[in-house]
Amino acid sequence: KMHEVTKRGIARTFQNIRLFANMTALENVQ
């Protein structure tokens, strides 16, 4: 599953930015 792939060591960004708009930059990183 996606979260299992992430734990294995693969991360990605998206063609259309998918940030949490109403969270701070630090909270997004966390």
PDB file of all heavy atoms in Angstrom:
ATOM      1  N   LYS A   1       0.836  -1.190   0.000  1.00  0.00           N
ATOM      2  CA  LYS A   1       0.000   0.000   0.000  1.00  0.00           C
ATOM      3  C   LYS A   1       0.874   1.244   0.000  1.00  0.00           C
ATOM      4  O   LYS A   1       2.081   1.171   0.245  1.00  0.00           O
ATOM      5  CB  LYS A   1      -0.923  -0.025   1.217  1.00  0.00           C
ATOM      6  CG  LYS A   1      -1.896  -1.203   1.217  1.00  0.00           C
ATOM      7  CD  LYS A   1      -2.751  -1.215   2.465  1.00  0.00           C
ATOM      8  CE  LYS A   1      -3.700  -2.412   2.462  1.00  0.00           C
ATOM      9  NZ  LYS A   1      -4.522  -2.477   3.691  1.00  0.00           N
ATOM     10  N   MET A   2       0.252   2.389  -0.267  1.00  0.00           N
ATOM     11  CA  MET A   2       1.023   3.619  -0.423  1.00  0.00           C
ATOM     12  C   MET A   2       1.863   3.942   0.812  1.00  0.00           C
ATOM     13  O   MET A   2       3.033   4.314   0.694  1.00  0.00           O
ATOM     14  CB  MET A   2       0.096   4.789  -0.763  1.00  0.00           C
ATOM     15  CG  MET A   2      -0.449   4.755  -2.174  1.00  0.00           C
ATOM     16  SD  MET A   2      -1.467   6.193  -2.557  1.00  0.00           S
ATOM     17  CE  MET A   2      -2.984   5.743  -1.692  1.00  0.00           C
ATOM     18  N   HIS A   3       1.285   3.820   2.002  1.00  0.00           N
ATOM     19  CA  HIS A   3       2.043   4.159   3.204  1.00  0.00           C
ATOM     20  C   HIS A   3       3.168   3.147   3.449  1.00  0.00           C
ATOM     21  O   HIS A   3       4.213   3.503   4.014  1.00  0.00           O
ATOM     22  CB  HIS A   3       1.112   4.239   4.425  1.00  0.00           C
ATOM     23  CG  HIS A   3       0.559   2.928   4.874  1.00  0.00           C
ATOM     24  ND1 HIS A   3      -0.545   2.336   4.291  1.00  0.00           N
ATOM     25  CD2 HIS A   3       0.953   2.071   5.860  1.00  0.00           C
ATOM     26  CE1 HIS A   3      -0.809   1.200   4.896  1.00  0.00           C
ATOM     27  NE2 HIS A   3       0.090   1.002   5.843  1.00  0.00           N
ATOM     28  N   GLU A   4       2.966   1.912   2.993  1.00  0.00           N
ATOM     29  CA  GLU A   4       4.018   0.905   3.138  1.00  0.00           C
ATOM     30  C   GLU A   4       5.174   1.199   2.184  1.00  0.00           C
ATOM     31  O   GLU A   4       6.347   1.002   2.545  1.00  0.00           O
ATOM     32  CB  GLU A   4       3.443  -0.489   2.870  1.00  0.00           C
ATOM     33  CG  GLU A   4       2.416  -0.929   3.903  1.00  0.00           C
ATOM     34  CD  GLU A   4       1.697  -2.216   3.524  1.00  0.00           C
ATOM     35  OE1 GLU A   4       1.491  -2.448   2.309  1.00  0.00           O
ATOM     36  OE2 GLU A   4       1.342  -2.985   4.440  1.00  0.00           O
ATOM     37  N   VAL A   5       4.845   1.672   0.995  1.00  0.00           N
ATOM     38  CA  VAL A   5       5.888   2.070   0.036  1.00  0.00           C
ATOM     39  C   VAL A   5       6.698   3.231   0.599  1.00  0.00           C
ATOM     40  O   VAL A   5       7.928   3.268   0.495  1.00  0.00           O
ATOM     41  CB  VAL A   5       5.255   2.449  -1.320  1.00  0.00           C
ATOM     42  CG1 VAL A   5       6.299   3.061  -2.254  1.00  0.00           C
ATOM     43  CG2 VAL A   5       4.618   1.231  -1.974  1.00  0.00           C
ATOM     44  N   THR A   6       6.006   4.182   1.222  1.00  0.00           N
ATOM     45  CA  THR A   6       6.695   5.328   1.821  1.00  0.00           C
ATOM     46  C   THR A   6       7.639   4.875   2.932  1.00  0.00           C
ATOM     47  O   THR A   6       8.794   5.332   3.014  1.00  0.00           O
ATOM     48  CB  THR A   6       5.677   6.333   2.388  1.00  0.00           C
ATOM     49  OG1 THR A   6       4.811   6.771   1.332  1.00  0.00           O
ATOM     50  CG2 THR A   6       6.377   7.543   2.980  1.00  0.00           C
ATOM     51  N   LYS A   7       7.177   3.965   3.776  1.00  0.00           N
ATOM     52  CA  LYS A   7       8.029   3.462   4.854  1.00  0.00           C
ATOM     53  C   LYS A   7       9.240   2.704   4.324  1.00  0.00           C
ATOM     54  O   LYS A   7      10.303   2.689   4.956  1.00  0.00           O
ATOM     55  CB  LYS A   7       7.217   2.573   5.798  1.00  0.00           C
ATOM     56  CG  LYS A   7       6.291   3.338   6.718  1.00  0.00           C
ATOM     57  CD  LYS A   7       5.628   2.417   7.738  1.00  0.00           C
ATOM     58  CE  LYS A   7       4.773   3.205   8.720  1.00  0.00           C
ATOM     59  NZ  LYS A   7       4.150   2.343   9.744  1.00  0.00           N
ATOM     60  N   ARG A   8       9.075   2.076   3.155  1.00  0.00           N
ATOM     61  CA  ARG A   8      10.191   1.360   2.555  1.00  0.00           C
ATOM     62  C   ARG A   8      11.262   2.310   2.030  1.00  0.00           C
ATOM     63  O   ARG A   8      12.404   1.903   1.823  1.00  0.00           O
ATOM     64  CB  ARG A   8       9.684   0.481   1.410  1.00  0.00           C
ATOM     65  CG  ARG A   8       8.946  -0.781   1.877  1.00  0.00           C
ATOM     66  CD  ARG A   8       9.913  -1.889   2.272  1.00  0.00           C
ATOM     67  NE  ARG A   8      10.763  -2.212   1.164  1.00  0.00           N
ATOM     68  CZ  ARG A   8      10.451  -3.049   0.184  1.00  0.00           C
ATOM     69  NH1 ARG A   8       9.274  -3.652   0.193  1.00  0.00           N
ATOM     70  NH2 ARG A   8      11.299  -3.296  -0.791  1.00  0.00           N
ATOM     71  N   GLY A   9      10.890   3.594   1.788  1.00  0.00           N
ATOM     72  CA  GLY A   9      11.900   4.564   1.388  1.00  0.00           C
ATOM     73  C   GLY A   9      11.680   5.241   0.057  1.00  0.00           C
ATOM     74  O   GLY A   9      12.639   5.719  -0.552  1.00  0.00           O
ATOM     75  N   ILE A  10      10.427   5.308  -0.413  1.00  0.00           N
ATOM     76  CA  ILE A  10      10.126   6.024  -1.656  1.00  0.00           C
ATOM     77  C   ILE A  10       9.171   7.172  -1.333  1.00  0.00           C
ATOM     78  O   ILE A  10       8.124   6.971  -0.724  1.00  0.00           O
ATOM     79  CB  ILE A  10       9.473   5.103  -2.706  1.00  0.00           C
ATOM     80  CG1 ILE A  10      10.448   3.986  -3.101  1.00  0.00           C
ATOM     81  CG2 ILE A  10       9.063   5.899  -3.941  1.00  0.00           C
ATOM     82  CD1 ILE A  10       9.869   3.010  -4.125  1.00  0.00           C
ATOM     83  N   ALA A  11       9.550   8.379  -1.745  1.00  0.00           N
ATOM     84  CA  ALA A  11       8.700   9.551  -1.555  1.00  0.00           C
ATOM     85  C   ALA A  11       8.505  10.233  -2.904  1.00  0.00           C
ATOM     86  O   ALA A  11       9.309  10.052  -3.820  1.00  0.00           O
ATOM     87  CB  ALA A  11       9.336  10.525  -0.563  1.00  0.00           C
ATOM     88  N   ARG A  12       7.439  11.030  -3.018  1.00  0.00           N
ATOM     89  CA  ARG A  12       7.175  11.670  -4.304  1.00  0.00           C
ATOM     90  C   ARG A  12       6.559  13.055  -4.117  1.00  0.00           C
ATOM     91  O   ARG A  12       5.994  13.379  -3.068  1.00  0.00           O
ATOM     92  CB  ARG A  12       6.239  10.816  -5.150  1.00  0.00           C
ATOM     93  CG  ARG A  12       4.801  10.790  -4.666  1.00  0.00           C
ATOM     94  CD  ARG A  12       3.871  10.124  -5.671  1.00  0.00           C
ATOM     95  NE  ARG A  12       3.745  10.881  -6.893  1.00  0.00           N
ATOM     96  CZ  ARG A  12       2.983  10.510  -7.919  1.00  0.00           C
ATOM     97  NH1 ARG A  12       2.299   9.377  -7.866  1.00  0.00           N
ATOM     98  NH2 ARG A  12       2.901  11.252  -9.006  1.00  0.00           N
ATOM     99  N   THR A  13       6.671  13.853  -5.169  1.00  0.00           N
ATOM    100  CA  THR A  13       5.892  15.077  -5.302  1.00  0.00           C
ATOM    101  C   THR A  13       4.947  14.879  -6.481  1.00  0.00           C
ATOM    102  O   THR A  13       5.042  13.888  -7.212  1.00  0.00           O
ATOM    103  CB  THR A  13       6.793  16.296  -5.547  1.00  0.00           C
ATOM    104  OG1 THR A  13       7.445  16.157  -6.824  1.00  0.00           O
ATOM    105  CG2 THR A  13       7.837  16.425  -4.446  1.00  0.00           C
ATOM    106  N   PHE A  14       4.039  15.838  -6.674  1.00  0.00           N
ATOM    107  CA  PHE A  14       3.003  15.672  -7.686  1.00  0.00           C
ATOM    108  C   PHE A  14       3.070  16.773  -8.736  1.00  0.00           C
ATOM    109  O   PHE A  14       3.548  17.883  -8.479  1.00  0.00           O
ATOM    110  CB  PHE A  14       1.627  15.665  -7.031  1.00  0.00           C
ATOM    111  CG  PHE A  14       1.386  14.473  -6.149  1.00  0.00           C
ATOM    112  CD1 PHE A  14       1.789  14.488  -4.818  1.00  0.00           C
ATOM    113  CD2 PHE A  14       0.784  13.328  -6.645  1.00  0.00           C
ATOM    114  CE1 PHE A  14       1.579  13.389  -4.000  1.00  0.00           C
ATOM    115  CE2 PHE A  14       0.572  12.221  -5.835  1.00  0.00           C
ATOM    116  CZ  PHE A  14       0.974  12.255  -4.508  1.00  0.00           C
ATOM    117  N   GLN A  15       2.570  16.430  -9.925  1.00  0.00           N
ATOM    118  CA  GLN A  15       2.513  17.398 -11.016  1.00  0.00           C
ATOM    119  C   GLN A  15       1.690  18.621 -10.593  1.00  0.00           C
ATOM    120  O   GLN A  15       2.084  19.760 -10.833  1.00  0.00           O
ATOM    121  CB  GLN A  15       1.897  16.738 -12.244  1.00  0.00           C
ATOM    122  CG  GLN A  15       1.825  17.638 -13.468  1.00  0.00           C
ATOM    123  CD  GLN A  15       1.257  16.888 -14.666  1.00  0.00           C
ATOM    124  OE1 GLN A  15       1.080  15.672 -14.629  1.00  0.00           O
ATOM    125  NE2 GLN A  15       0.953  17.621 -15.709  1.00  0.00           N
ATOM    126  N   ASN A  16       0.549  18.383  -9.968  1.00  0.00           N
ATOM    127  CA  ASN A  16      -0.263  19.447  -9.381  1.00  0.00           C
ATOM    128  C   ASN A  16       0.008  19.452  -7.883  1.00  0.00           C
ATOM    129  O   ASN A  16      -0.240  18.459  -7.200  1.00  0.00           O
ATOM    130  CB  ASN A  16      -1.748  19.203  -9.659  1.00  0.00           C
ATOM    131  CG  ASN A  16      -2.062  19.190 -11.136  1.00  0.00           C
ATOM    132  OD1 ASN A  16      -1.611  20.058 -11.876  1.00  0.00           O
ATOM    133  ND2 ASN A  16      -2.812  18.192 -11.574  1.00  0.00           N
ATOM    134  N   ILE A  17       0.535  20.565  -7.385  1.00  0.00           N
ATOM    135  CA  ILE A  17       0.998  20.652  -6.002  1.00  0.00           C
ATOM    136  C   ILE A  17      -0.106  20.218  -5.033  1.00  0.00           C
ATOM    137  O   ILE A  17      -1.243  20.657  -5.130  1.00  0.00           O
ATOM    138  CB  ILE A  17       1.448  22.093  -5.676  1.00  0.00           C
ATOM    139  CG1 ILE A  17       2.663  22.461  -6.530  1.00  0.00           C
ATOM    140  CG2 ILE A  17       1.784  22.234  -4.200  1.00  0.00           C
ATOM    141  CD1 ILE A  17       3.062  23.914  -6.428  1.00  0.00           C
ATOM    142  N   ARG A  18       0.238  19.341  -4.104  1.00  0.00           N
ATOM    143  CA  ARG A  18      -0.722  18.822  -3.130  1.00  0.00           C
ATOM    144  C   ARG A  18      -0.227  19.078  -1.712  1.00  0.00           C
ATOM    145  O   ARG A  18       0.190  18.162  -1.006  1.00  0.00           O
ATOM    146  CB  ARG A  18      -0.961  17.335  -3.362  1.00  0.00           C
ATOM    147  CG  ARG A  18      -1.577  17.030  -4.725  1.00  0.00           C
ATOM    148  CD  ARG A  18      -1.931  15.560  -4.846  1.00  0.00           C
ATOM    149  NE  ARG A  18      -2.383  15.231  -6.195  1.00  0.00           N
ATOM    150  CZ  ARG A  18      -2.749  14.013  -6.574  1.00  0.00           C
ATOM    151  NH1 ARG A  18      -2.702  13.012  -5.714  1.00  0.00           N
ATOM    152  NH2 ARG A  18      -3.153  13.791  -7.817  1.00  0.00           N
ATOM    153  N   LEU A  19      -0.249  20.328  -1.325  1.00  0.00           N
ATOM    154  CA  LEU A  19       0.093  20.715   0.029  1.00  0.00           C
ATOM    155  C   LEU A  19      -1.178  20.871   0.856  1.00  0.00           C
ATOM    156  O   LEU A  19      -2.281  20.977   0.313  1.00  0.00           O
ATOM    157  CB  LEU A  19       0.872  22.031   0.027  1.00  0.00           C
ATOM    158  CG  LEU A  19       2.254  22.000  -0.624  1.00  0.00           C
ATOM    159  CD1 LEU A  19       2.794  23.420  -0.766  1.00  0.00           C
ATOM    160  CD2 LEU A  19       3.230  21.146   0.176  1.00  0.00           C
ATOM    161  N   PHE A  20      -1.024  20.910   2.180  1.00  0.00           N
ATOM    162  CA  PHE A  20      -2.138  21.229   3.068  1.00  0.00           C
ATOM    163  C   PHE A  20      -2.180  22.751   3.188  1.00  0.00           C
ATOM    164  O   PHE A  20      -1.406  23.354   3.947  1.00  0.00           O
ATOM    165  CB  PHE A  20      -1.949  20.544   4.414  1.00  0.00           C
ATOM    166  CG  PHE A  20      -1.950  19.044   4.315  1.00  0.00           C
ATOM    167  CD1 PHE A  20      -0.759  18.335   4.298  1.00  0.00           C
ATOM    168  CD2 PHE A  20      -3.151  18.344   4.211  1.00  0.00           C
ATOM    169  CE1 PHE A  20      -0.755  16.946   4.189  1.00  0.00           C
ATOM    170  CE2 PHE A  20      -3.153  16.953   4.103  1.00  0.00           C
ATOM    171  CZ  PHE A  20      -1.950  16.260   4.086  1.00  0.00           C
ATOM    172  N   ALA A  21      -3.070  23.353   2.419  1.00  0.00           N
ATOM    173  CA  ALA A  21      -3.047  24.803   2.204  1.00  0.00           C
ATOM    174  C   ALA A  21      -3.189  25.600   3.496  1.00  0.00           C
ATOM    175  O   ALA A  21      -2.554  26.661   3.647  1.00  0.00           O
ATOM    176  CB  ALA A  21      -4.157  25.194   1.229  1.00  0.00           C
ATOM    177  N   ASN A  22      -3.985  25.109   4.442  1.00  0.00           N
ATOM    178  CA  ASN A  22      -4.250  25.862   5.668  1.00  0.00           C
ATOM    179  C   ASN A  22      -3.396  25.405   6.846  1.00  0.00           C
ATOM    180  O   ASN A  22      -3.726  25.678   8.003  1.00  0.00           O
ATOM    181  CB  ASN A  22      -5.738  25.759   6.028  1.00  0.00           C
ATOM    182  CG  ASN A  22      -6.606  26.481   5.019  1.00  0.00           C
ATOM    183  OD1 ASN A  22      -6.329  27.622   4.651  1.00  0.00           O
ATOM    184  ND2 ASN A  22      -7.651  25.809   4.531  1.00  0.00           N
ATOM    185  N   MET A  23      -2.307  24.717   6.525  1.00  0.00           N
ATOM    186  CA  MET A  23      -1.310  24.373   7.533  1.00  0.00           C
ATOM    187  C   MET A  23      -0.038  25.146   7.228  1.00  0.00           C
ATOM    188  O   MET A  23       0.204  25.538   6.085  1.00  0.00           O
ATOM    189  CB  MET A  23      -1.037  22.861   7.537  1.00  0.00           C
ATOM    190  CG  MET A  23      -2.238  22.046   8.006  1.00  0.00           C
ATOM    191  SD  MET A  23      -2.025  20.252   7.751  1.00  0.00           S
ATOM    192  CE  MET A  23      -0.627  19.900   8.816  1.00  0.00           C
ATOM    193  N   THR A  24       0.766  25.379   8.244  1.00  0.00           N
ATOM    194  CA  THR A  24       2.014  26.118   8.028  1.00  0.00           C
ATOM    195  C   THR A  24       3.017  25.260   7.254  1.00  0.00           C
ATOM    196  O   THR A  24       2.842  24.038   7.114  1.00  0.00           O
ATOM    197  CB  THR A  24       2.650  26.533   9.356  1.00  0.00           C
ATOM    198  OG1 THR A  24       3.082  25.350  10.056  1.00  0.00           O
ATOM    199  CG2 THR A  24       1.678  27.325  10.209  1.00  0.00           C
ATOM    200  N   ALA A  25       4.070  25.917   6.781  1.00  0.00           N
ATOM    201  CA  ALA A  25       5.122  25.184   6.072  1.00  0.00           C
ATOM    202  C   ALA A  25       5.717  24.116   6.976  1.00  0.00           C
ATOM    203  O   ALA A  25       5.936  22.975   6.546  1.00  0.00           O
ATOM    204  CB  ALA A  25       6.205  26.157   5.603  1.00  0.00           C
ATOM    205  N   LEU A  26       5.973  24.464   8.250  1.00  0.00           N
ATOM    206  CA  LEU A  26       6.556  23.495   9.178  1.00  0.00           C
ATOM    207  C   LEU A  26       5.607  22.323   9.402  1.00  0.00           C
ATOM    208  O   LEU A  26       6.028  21.161   9.419  1.00  0.00           O
ATOM    209  CB  LEU A  26       6.884  24.169  10.506  1.00  0.00           C
ATOM    210  CG  LEU A  26       7.472  23.255  11.596  1.00  0.00           C
ATOM    211  CD1 LEU A  26       8.766  22.607  11.126  1.00  0.00           C
ATOM    212  CD2 LEU A  26       7.710  24.046  12.883  1.00  0.00           C
ATOM    213  N   GLU A  27       4.325  22.604   9.556  1.00  0.00           N
ATOM    214  CA  GLU A  27       3.354  21.531   9.783  1.00  0.00           C
ATOM    215  C   GLU A  27       3.276  20.599   8.579  1.00  0.00           C
ATOM    216  O   GLU A  27       3.113  19.387   8.726  1.00  0.00           O
ATOM    217  CB  GLU A  27       1.984  22.132  10.088  1.00  0.00           C
ATOM    218  CG  GLU A  27       1.905  22.769  11.472  1.00  0.00           C
ATOM    219  CD  GLU A  27       0.646  23.603  11.669  1.00  0.00           C
ATOM    220  OE1 GLU A  27       0.016  23.989  10.654  1.00  0.00           O
ATOM    221  OE2 GLU A  27       0.308  23.897  12.841  1.00  0.00           O
ATOM    222  N   ASN A  28       3.399  21.146   7.380  1.00  0.00           N
ATOM    223  CA  ASN A  28       3.399  20.306   6.181  1.00  0.00           C
ATOM    224  C   ASN A  28       4.586  19.349   6.200  1.00  0.00           C
ATOM    225  O   ASN A  28       4.439  18.169   5.863  1.00  0.00           O
ATOM    226  CB  ASN A  28       3.447  21.179   4.923  1.00  0.00           C
ATOM    227  CG  ASN A  28       2.075  21.505   4.380  1.00  0.00           C
ATOM    228  OD1 ASN A  28       1.488  20.755   3.608  1.00  0.00           O
ATOM    229  ND2 ASN A  28       1.548  22.650   4.800  1.00  0.00           N
ATOM    230  N   VAL A  29       5.759  19.847   6.581  1.00  0.00           N
ATOM    231  CA  VAL A  29       6.938  18.980   6.647  1.00  0.00           C
ATOM    232  C   VAL A  29       6.754  17.914   7.722  1.00  0.00           C
ATOM    233  O   VAL A  29       7.130  16.749   7.537  1.00  0.00           O
ATOM    234  CB  VAL A  29       8.215  19.804   6.909  1.00  0.00           C
ATOM    235  CG1 VAL A  29       9.425  18.881   7.069  1.00  0.00           C
ATOM    236  CG2 VAL A  29       8.465  20.780   5.758  1.00  0.00           C
ATOM    237  N   GLN A  30       6.148  18.285   8.839  1.00  0.00           N
ATOM    238  CA  GLN A  30       5.953  17.333   9.924  1.00  0.00           C
ATOM    239  C   GLN A  30       4.984  16.218   9.537  1.00  0.00           C
ATOM    240  O   GLN A  30       5.066  15.112  10.071  1.00  0.00           O
ATOM    241  CB  GLN A  30       5.458  18.069  11.171  1.00  0.00           C
ATOM    242  CG  GLN A  30       6.556  18.923  11.814  1.00  0.00           C
ATOM    243  CD  GLN A  30       6.052  19.783  12.954  1.00  0.00           C
ATOM    244  OE1 GLN A  30       4.891  20.190  12.981  1.00  0.00           O
ATOM    245  NE2 GLN A  30       6.926  20.088  13.903  1.00  0.00           N
TER     246      GLN A  30
END
